Structures are given as C-alpha cells and as structure tokens.
PDB file of N, CA and C in Angstrom:
ATOM      1  N   MET A   1    -128.229  98.875 -72.284  1.00  0.00           N
ATOM      2  CA  MET A   1    -128.798  99.626 -73.376  1.00  0.00           C
ATOM      3  C   MET A   1    -129.800 100.673 -72.849  1.00  0.00           C
ATOM      4  N   LEU A   2    -130.630 100.291 -71.883  1.00  0.00           N
ATOM      5  CA  LEU A   2    -131.614 101.190 -71.307  1.00  0.00           C
ATOM      6  C   LEU A   2    -130.920 102.345 -70.580  1.00  0.00           C
ATOM      7  N   LYS A   3    -129.764 102.053 -69.979  1.00  0.00           N
ATOM      8  CA  LYS A   3    -129.009 103.072 -69.264  1.00  0.00           C
ATOM      9  C   LYS A   3    -128.583 104.183 -70.228  1.00  0.00           C
ATOM     10  N   TYR A   4    -128.123 103.850 -71.419  1.00  0.00           N
ATOM     11  CA  TYR A   4    -127.687 104.847 -72.402  1.00  0.00           C
ATOM     12  C   TYR A   4    -128.871 105.663 -72.942  1.00  0.00           C
ATOM     13  N   LEU A   5    -129.995 105.009 -73.095  1.00  0.00           N
ATOM     14  CA  LEU A   5    -131.198 105.701 -73.542  1.00  0.00           C
ATOM     15  C   LEU A   5    -131.644 106.724 -72.500  1.00  0.00           C
ATOM     16  N   LEU A   6    -131.612 106.358 -71.236  1.00  0.00           N
ATOM     17  CA  LEU A   6    -131.981 107.290 -70.165  1.00  0.00           C
ATOM     18  C   LEU A   6    -131.001 108.460 -70.081  1.00  0.00           C
ATOM     19  N   ILE A   7    -129.730 108.181 -70.251  1.00  0.00           N
ATOM     20  CA  ILE A   7    -128.721 109.248 -70.225  1.00  0.00           C
ATOM     21  C   ILE A   7    -128.929 110.193 -71.406  1.00  0.00           C
ATOM     22  N   ALA A   8    -129.221 109.635 -72.571  1.00  0.00           N
ATOM     23  CA  ALA A   8    -129.468 110.458 -73.756  1.00  0.00           C
ATOM     24  C   ALA A   8    -130.707 111.325 -73.556  1.00  0.00           C
ATOM     25  N   LEU A   9    -131.773 110.775 -73.005  1.00  0.00           N
ATOM     26  CA  LEU A   9    -132.980 111.552 -72.732  1.00  0.00           C
ATOM     27  C   LEU A   9    -132.715 112.663 -71.723  1.00  0.00           C
ATOM     28  N   LEU A  10    -131.917 112.375 -70.719  1.00  0.00           N
ATOM     29  CA  LEU A  10    -131.568 113.376 -69.717  1.00  0.00           C
ATOM     30  C   LEU A  10    -130.774 114.519 -70.340  1.00  0.00           C
ATOM     31  N   VAL A  11    -129.820 114.187 -71.193  1.00  0.00           N
ATOM     32  CA  VAL A  11    -129.015 115.220 -71.855  1.00  0.00           C
ATOM     33  C   VAL A  11    -129.899 116.075 -72.766  1.00  0.00           C
ATOM     34  N   ILE A  12    -130.784 115.443 -73.518  1.00  0.00           N
ATOM     35  CA  ILE A  12    -131.681 116.187 -74.412  1.00  0.00           C
ATOM     36  C   ILE A  12    -132.617 117.070 -73.595  1.00  0.00           C
ATOM     37  N   TRP A  13    -133.142 116.552 -72.489  1.00  0.00           N
ATOM     38  CA  TRP A  13    -134.029 117.348 -71.640  1.00  0.00           C
ATOM     39  C   TRP A  13    -133.288 118.560 -71.073  1.00  0.00           C
ATOM     40  N   LEU A  14    -132.060 118.372 -70.607  1.00  0.00           N
ATOM     41  CA  LEU A  14    -131.279 119.486 -70.070  1.00  0.00           C
ATOM     42  C   LEU A  14    -130.965 120.512 -71.157  1.00  0.00           C
ATOM     43  N   PHE A  15    -130.723 120.048 -72.369  1.00  0.00           N
ATOM     44  CA  PHE A  15    -130.395 120.952 -73.466  1.00  0.00           C
ATOM     45  C   PHE A  15    -131.579 121.855 -73.816  1.00  0.00           C
ATOM     46  N   TYR A  16    -132.790 121.314 -73.793  1.00  0.00           N
ATOM     47  CA  TYR A  16    -133.978 122.077 -74.149  1.00  0.00           C
ATOM     48  C   TYR A  16    -134.742 122.621 -72.947  1.00  0.00           C
ATOM     49  N   SER A  17    -134.223 122.468 -71.775  1.00  0.00           N
ATOM     50  CA  SER A  17    -134.897 122.935 -70.571  1.00  0.00           C
ATOM     51  C   SER A  17    -134.980 124.463 -70.567  1.00  0.00           C
ATOM     52  N   PRO A  18    -136.157 125.026 -70.314  1.00  0.00           N
ATOM     53  CA  PRO A  18    -136.286 126.490 -70.279  1.00  0.00           C
ATOM     54  C   PRO A  18    -135.438 127.118 -69.184  1.00  0.00           C
ATOM     55  N   ALA A  19    -135.237 126.409 -68.083  1.00  0.00           N
ATOM     56  CA  ALA A  19    -134.455 126.964 -66.985  1.00  0.00           C
ATOM     57  C   ALA A  19    -133.000 127.153 -67.388  1.00  0.00           C
ATOM     58  N   LEU A  20    -132.469 126.251 -68.169  1.00  0.00           N
ATOM     59  CA  LEU A  20    -131.068 126.355 -68.570  1.00  0.00           C
ATOM     60  C   LEU A  20    -130.896 127.101 -69.891  1.00  0.00           C
ATOM     61  N   ARG A  21    -131.940 127.230 -70.672  1.00  0.00           N
ATOM     62  CA  ARG A  21    -131.829 127.897 -71.966  1.00  0.00           C
ATOM     63  C   ARG A  21    -131.413 129.353 -71.784  1.00  0.00           C
ATOM     64  N   GLY A  22    -131.980 130.036 -70.813  1.00  0.00           N
ATOM     65  CA  GLY A  22    -131.621 131.422 -70.550  1.00  0.00           C
ATOM     66  C   GLY A  22    -130.197 131.566 -70.065  1.00  0.00           C
ATOM     67  N   LYS A  23    -129.722 130.617 -69.285  1.00  0.00           N
ATOM     68  CA  LYS A  23    -128.354 130.673 -68.779  1.00  0.00           C
ATOM     69  C   LYS A  23    -127.343 130.408 -69.887  1.00  0.00           C
ATOM     70  N   ARG A  24    -127.703 129.548 -70.832  1.00  0.00           N
ATOM     71  CA  ARG A  24    -126.788 129.232 -71.929  1.00  0.00           C
ATOM     72  C   ARG A  24    -126.573 130.430 -72.836  1.00  0.00           C
ATOM     73  N   THR A  25    -127.641 131.135 -73.169  1.00  0.00           N
ATOM     74  CA  THR A  25    -127.533 132.241 -74.116  1.00  0.00           C
ATOM     75  C   THR A  25    -127.162 133.547 -73.438  1.00  0.00           C
ATOM     76  N   GLY A  26    -127.213 133.595 -72.121  1.00  0.00           N
ATOM     77  CA  GLY A  26    -126.909 134.825 -71.403  1.00  0.00           C
ATOM     78  C   GLY A  26    -128.050 135.827 -71.465  1.00  0.00           C
ATOM     79  N   ALA A  27    -129.221 135.384 -71.867  1.00  0.00           N
ATOM     80  CA  ALA A  27    -130.366 136.287 -71.974  1.00  0.00           C
ATOM     81  C   ALA A  27    -130.868 136.666 -70.592  1.00  0.00           C
ATOM     82  N   LYS A  28    -131.243 137.932 -70.463  1.00  0.00           N
ATOM     83  CA  LYS A  28    -131.799 138.418 -69.206  1.00  0.00           C
ATOM     84  C   LYS A  28    -133.320 138.402 -69.309  1.00  0.00           C
ATOM     85  N   PRO A  29    -133.999 138.210 -68.201  1.00  0.00           N
ATOM     86  CA  PRO A  29    -135.464 138.248 -68.258  1.00  0.00           C
ATOM     87  C   PRO A  29    -135.935 139.625 -68.694  1.00  0.00           C
ATOM     88  N   ALA A  30    -137.014 139.660 -69.433  1.00  0.00           N
ATOM     89  CA  ALA A  30    -137.543 140.929 -69.942  1.00  0.00           C
ATOM     90  C   ALA A  30    -138.071 141.779 -68.793  1.00  0.00           C
ATOM     91  N   ALA A  31    -137.758 143.055 -68.850  1.00  0.00           N
ATOM     92  CA  ALA A  31    -138.230 143.980 -67.824  1.00  0.00           C
ATOM     93  C   ALA A  31    -139.693 144.312 -68.084  1.00  0.00           C
ATOM     94  N   LYS A  32    -140.405 144.578 -67.016  1.00  0.00           N
ATOM     95  CA  LYS A  32    -141.814 144.942 -67.156  1.00  0.00           C
ATOM     96  C   LYS A  32    -141.908 146.335 -67.772  1.00  0.00           C
ATOM     97  N   PRO A  33    -142.786 146.527 -68.750  1.00  0.00           N
ATOM     98  CA  PRO A  33    -142.919 147.864 -69.347  1.00  0.00           C
ATOM     99  C   PRO A  33    -143.544 148.834 -68.355  1.00  0.00           C
ATOM    100  N   GLU A  34    -143.141 150.088 -68.462  1.00  0.00           N
ATOM    101  CA  GLU A  34    -143.691 151.104 -67.570  1.00  0.00           C
ATOM    102  C   GLU A  34    -145.134 151.399 -67.961  1.00  0.00           C
ATOM    103  N   PRO A  35    -145.990 151.584 -66.981  1.00  0.00           N
ATOM    104  CA  PRO A  35    -147.364 151.967 -67.321  1.00  0.00           C
ATOM    105  C   PRO A  35    -147.360 153.388 -67.877  1.00  0.00           C
ATOM    106  N   PRO A  36    -148.285 153.703 -68.760  1.00  0.00           N
ATOM    107  CA  PRO A  36    -148.313 155.057 -69.318  1.00  0.00           C
ATOM    108  C   PRO A  36    -148.577 156.088 -68.224  1.00  0.00           C
ATOM    109  N   ARG A  37    -147.898 157.197 -68.337  1.00  0.00           N
ATOM    110  CA  ARG A  37    -148.068 158.246 -67.337  1.00  0.00           C
ATOM    111  C   ARG A  37    -149.303 159.079 -67.661  1.00  0.00           C
ATOM    112  N   ALA A  38    -149.943 159.568 -66.625  1.00  0.00           N
ATOM    113  CA  ALA A  38    -151.124 160.410 -66.799  1.00  0.00           C
ATOM    114  C   ALA A  38    -150.689 161.767 -67.349  1.00  0.00           C
ATOM    115  N   GLU A  39    -151.514 162.315 -68.224  1.00  0.00           N
ATOM    116  CA  GLU A  39    -151.200 163.601 -68.831  1.00  0.00           C
ATOM    117  C   GLU A  39    -152.411 164.512 -68.671  1.00  0.00           C
ATOM    118  N   ASN A  40    -152.155 165.779 -68.443  1.00  0.00           N
ATOM    119  CA  ASN A  40    -153.248 166.738 -68.271  1.00  0.00           C
ATOM    120  C   ASN A  40    -154.031 166.882 -69.564  1.00  0.00           C
ATOM    121  N   MET A  41    -155.343 167.010 -69.426  1.00  0.00           N
ATOM    122  CA  MET A  41    -156.209 167.250 -70.570  1.00  0.00           C
ATOM    123  C   MET A  41    -156.486 168.750 -70.640  1.00  0.00           C
ATOM    124  N   VAL A  42    -156.420 169.297 -71.848  1.00  0.00           N
ATOM    125  CA  VAL A  42    -156.686 170.722 -72.055  1.00  0.00           C
ATOM    126  C   VAL A  42    -157.785 170.861 -73.101  1.00  0.00           C
ATOM    127  N   GLN A  43    -158.390 172.047 -73.155  1.00  0.00           N
ATOM    128  CA  GLN A  43    -159.490 172.297 -74.079  1.00  0.00           C
ATOM    129  C   GLN A  43    -159.019 173.268 -75.159  1.00  0.00           C
ATOM    130  N   CYS A  44    -159.370 172.965 -76.399  1.00  0.00           N
ATOM    131  CA  CYS A  44    -159.031 173.840 -77.524  1.00  0.00           C
ATOM    132  C   CYS A  44    -159.799 175.149 -77.365  1.00  0.00           C
ATOM    133  N   ALA A  45    -159.095 176.278 -77.514  1.00  0.00           N
ATOM    134  CA  ALA A  45    -159.735 177.588 -77.362  1.00  0.00           C
ATOM    135  C   ALA A  45    -160.645 177.908 -78.538  1.00  0.00           C
ATOM    136  N   HIS A  46    -160.519 177.186 -79.639  1.00  0.00           N
ATOM    137  CA  HIS A  46    -161.341 177.474 -80.825  1.00  0.00           C
ATOM    138  C   HIS A  46    -162.589 176.593 -80.880  1.00  0.00           C
ATOM    139  N   CYS A  47    -162.410 175.270 -80.807  1.00  0.00           N
ATOM    140  CA  CYS A  47    -163.562 174.367 -80.997  1.00  0.00           C
ATOM    141  C   CYS A  47    -164.041 173.710 -79.702  1.00  0.00           C
ATOM    142  N   GLY A  48    -163.257 173.770 -78.643  1.00  0.00           N
ATOM    143  CA  GLY A  48    -163.686 173.234 -77.365  1.00  0.00           C
ATOM    144  C   GLY A  48    -163.385 171.761 -77.138  1.00  0.00           C
ATOM    145  N   VAL A  49    -162.741 171.097 -78.104  1.00  0.00           N
ATOM    146  CA  VAL A  49    -162.431 169.674 -77.934  1.00  0.00           C
ATOM    147  C   VAL A  49    -161.349 169.511 -76.863  1.00  0.00           C
ATOM    148  N   HIS A  50    -161.444 168.438 -76.086  1.00  0.00           N
ATOM    149  CA  HIS A  50    -160.435 168.136 -75.067  1.00  0.00           C
ATOM    150  C   HIS A  50    -159.396 167.199 -75.652  1.00  0.00           C
ATOM    151  N   LEU A  51    -158.124 167.460 -75.363  1.00  0.00           N
ATOM    152  CA  LEU A  51    -157.042 166.637 -75.869  1.00  0.00           C
ATOM    153  C   LEU A  51    -155.890 166.650 -74.875  1.00  0.00           C
ATOM    154  N   PRO A  52    -154.984 165.653 -74.956  1.00  0.00           N
ATOM    155  CA  PRO A  52    -153.826 165.642 -74.052  1.00  0.00           C
ATOM    156  C   PRO A  52    -152.942 166.867 -74.293  1.00  0.00           C
ATOM    157  N   GLU A  53    -152.381 167.366 -73.229  1.00  0.00           N
ATOM    158  CA  GLU A  53    -151.582 168.588 -73.311  1.00  0.00           C
ATOM    159  C   GLU A  53    -150.390 168.429 -74.262  1.00  0.00           C
ATOM    160  N   GLY A  54    -149.833 167.242 -74.334  1.00  0.00           N
ATOM    161  CA  GLY A  54    -148.692 167.008 -75.216  1.00  0.00           C
ATOM    162  C   GLY A  54    -149.044 167.074 -76.691  1.00  0.00           C
ATOM    163  N   ASP A  55    -150.315 166.886 -77.053  1.00  0.00           N
ATOM    164  CA  ASP A  55    -150.742 166.938 -78.455  1.00  0.00           C
ATOM    165  C   ASP A  55    -151.222 168.323 -78.866  1.00  0.00           C
ATOM    166  N   SER A  56    -151.293 169.245 -77.931  1.00  0.00           N
ATOM    167  CA  SER A  56    -151.841 170.569 -78.233  1.00  0.00           C
ATOM    168  C   SER A  56    -150.732 171.524 -78.676  1.00  0.00           C
ATOM    169  N   THR A  57    -151.154 172.633 -79.289  1.00  0.00           N
ATOM    170  CA  THR A  57    -150.239 173.731 -79.613  1.00  0.00           C
ATOM    171  C   THR A  57    -150.709 174.952 -78.837  1.00  0.00           C
ATOM    172  N   LYS A  58    -149.790 175.850 -78.539  1.00  0.00           N
ATOM    173  CA  LYS A  58    -150.131 177.045 -77.757  1.00  0.00           C
ATOM    174  C   LYS A  58    -149.764 178.293 -78.536  1.00  0.00           C
ATOM    175  N   ASP A  59    -150.519 179.353 -78.268  1.00  0.00           N
ATOM    176  CA  ASP A  59    -150.188 180.640 -78.879  1.00  0.00           C
ATOM    177  C   ASP A  59    -149.378 181.471 -77.887  1.00  0.00           C
ATOM    178  N   GLU A  60    -149.122 182.738 -78.247  1.00  0.00           N
ATOM    179  CA  GLU A  60    -148.280 183.602 -77.406  1.00  0.00           C
ATOM    180  C   GLU A  60    -148.915 183.901 -76.056  1.00  0.00           C
ATOM    181  N   GLN A  61    -150.238 183.883 -75.994  1.00  0.00           N
ATOM    182  CA  GLN A  61    -150.934 184.165 -74.731  1.00  0.00           C
ATOM    183  C   GLN A  61    -151.082 182.918 -73.864  1.00  0.00           C
ATOM    184  N   GLY A  62    -150.651 181.776 -74.345  1.00  0.00           N
ATOM    185  CA  GLY A  62    -150.721 180.546 -73.572  1.00  0.00           C
ATOM    186  C   GLY A  62    -152.004 179.760 -73.781  1.00  0.00           C
ATOM    187  N   ARG A  63    -152.870 180.193 -74.706  1.00  0.00           N
ATOM    188  CA  ARG A  63    -154.095 179.448 -74.995  1.00  0.00           C
ATOM    189  C   ARG A  63    -153.740 178.193 -75.786  1.00  0.00           C
ATOM    190  N   THR A  64    -154.464 177.116 -75.525  1.00  0.00           N
ATOM    191  CA  THR A  64    -154.182 175.844 -76.188  1.00  0.00           C
ATOM    192  C   THR A  64    -155.150 175.604 -77.338  1.00  0.00           C
ATOM    193  N   TYR A  65    -154.626 174.936 -78.386  1.00  0.00           N
ATOM    194  CA  TYR A  65    -155.412 174.622 -79.581  1.00  0.00           C
ATOM    195  C   TYR A  65    -155.147 173.178 -79.977  1.00  0.00           C
ATOM    196  N   CYS A  66    -156.119 172.593 -80.681  1.00  0.00           N
ATOM    197  CA  CYS A  66    -155.990 171.194 -81.086  1.00  0.00           C
ATOM    198  C   CYS A  66    -155.196 171.042 -82.374  1.00  0.00           C
ATOM    199  N   SER A  67    -155.074 172.104 -83.174  1.00  0.00           N
ATOM    200  CA  SER A  67    -154.340 172.018 -84.436  1.00  0.00           C
ATOM    201  C   SER A  67    -153.759 173.385 -84.783  1.00  0.00           C
ATOM    202  N   GLN A  68    -152.870 173.369 -85.749  1.00  0.00           N
ATOM    203  CA  GLN A  68    -152.256 174.614 -86.204  1.00  0.00           C
ATOM    204  C   GLN A  68    -153.306 175.513 -86.885  1.00  0.00           C
ATOM    205  N   ALA A  69    -154.257 174.902 -87.601  1.00  0.00           N
ATOM    206  CA  ALA A  69    -155.306 175.679 -88.270  1.00  0.00           C
ATOM    207  C   ALA A  69    -156.166 176.425 -87.256  1.00  0.00           C
ATOM    208  N   HIS A  70    -156.505 175.774 -86.159  1.00  0.00           N
ATOM    209  CA  HIS A  70    -157.316 176.441 -85.128  1.00  0.00           C
ATOM    210  C   HIS A  70    -156.487 177.497 -84.405  1.00  0.00           C
ATOM    211  N   ARG A  71    -155.205 177.271 -84.300  1.00  0.00           N
ATOM    212  CA  ARG A  71    -154.336 178.276 -83.679  1.00  0.00           C
ATOM    213  C   ARG A  71    -154.303 179.551 -84.533  1.00  0.00           C
ATOM    214  N   GLN A  72    -154.223 179.366 -85.842  1.00  0.00           N
ATOM    215  CA  GLN A  72    -154.203 180.514 -86.748  1.00  0.00           C
ATOM    216  C   GLN A  72    -155.570 181.198 -86.779  1.00  0.00           C
ATOM    217  N   ALA A  73    -156.655 180.432 -86.623  1.00  0.00           N
ATOM    218  CA  ALA A  73    -157.996 181.012 -86.632  1.00  0.00           C
ATOM    219  C   ALA A  73    -158.268 181.816 -85.356  1.00  0.00           C
ATOM    220  N   GLY A  74    -157.590 181.478 -84.284  1.00  0.00           N
ATOM    221  CA  GLY A  74    -157.759 182.212 -83.040  1.00  0.00           C
ATOM    222  C   GLY A  74    -158.857 181.641 -82.174  1.00  0.00           C
ATOM    223  N   PRO A  75    -159.083 182.253 -80.999  1.00  0.00           N
ATOM    224  CA  PRO A  75    -160.098 181.740 -80.083  1.00  0.00           C
ATOM    225  C   PRO A  75    -161.511 181.927 -80.639  1.00  0.00           C
ATOM    226  N   ARG A  76    -162.425 181.134 -80.110  1.00  0.00           N
ATOM    227  CA  ARG A  76    -163.823 181.172 -80.537  1.00  0.00           C
ATOM    228  C   ARG A  76    -164.444 182.493 -80.126  1.00  0.00           C
ATOM    229  N   GLN A  77    -165.210 183.071 -81.023  1.00  0.00           N
ATOM    230  CA  GLN A  77    -165.920 184.319 -80.740  1.00  0.00           C
ATOM    231  C   GLN A  77    -167.295 183.957 -80.175  1.00  0.00           C
ATOM    232  N   VAL A  78    -167.558 184.353 -78.957  1.00  0.00           N
ATOM    233  CA  VAL A  78    -168.814 184.006 -78.305  1.00  0.00           C
ATOM    234  C   VAL A  78    -169.826 185.086 -78.481  1.00  0.00           C
TER     235      VAL A  78
END
C-alpha cells in the first residue's frame, strides 16, 4: 500500500514540477527586455525647456520646439 502511495506522490510531483511544466507546454523562457536606449536632449527655441529629441518638433530652419504652439510662436525674442 505504501508503495502505491509513493508512486502516486512521485507522479503528482513530476506533473507539477516547474522543470517539466515548461517542457510539457512547449513554453520558451522569457527573453530579457532591452534596456531603454539613450536619446539626445534638445532645448526648445521658444521657452528653453529641455526634452528628448524624439518628443520635439522642428521648423524649416531646424530649430527644435517642445510643442506645436511654441513652433508657431517662433523663437524667443531676446
């Protein structure tokens, strides 16, 4: 009787074992996420705030702005 209990426990342990669970479902281990890439910081030509280059807008002369409203307002008058 004890022999059958041990066999049953072994089968249950193998069924729920994390090592075999991935092999049963065919799941692949999760890949490590890529670290965020560094992005150049630029300064708004109107208000002077610094922001990532990807979030900025540019005018025809290549000046960067933080928003469309500042782009339409133009560069700061000093």
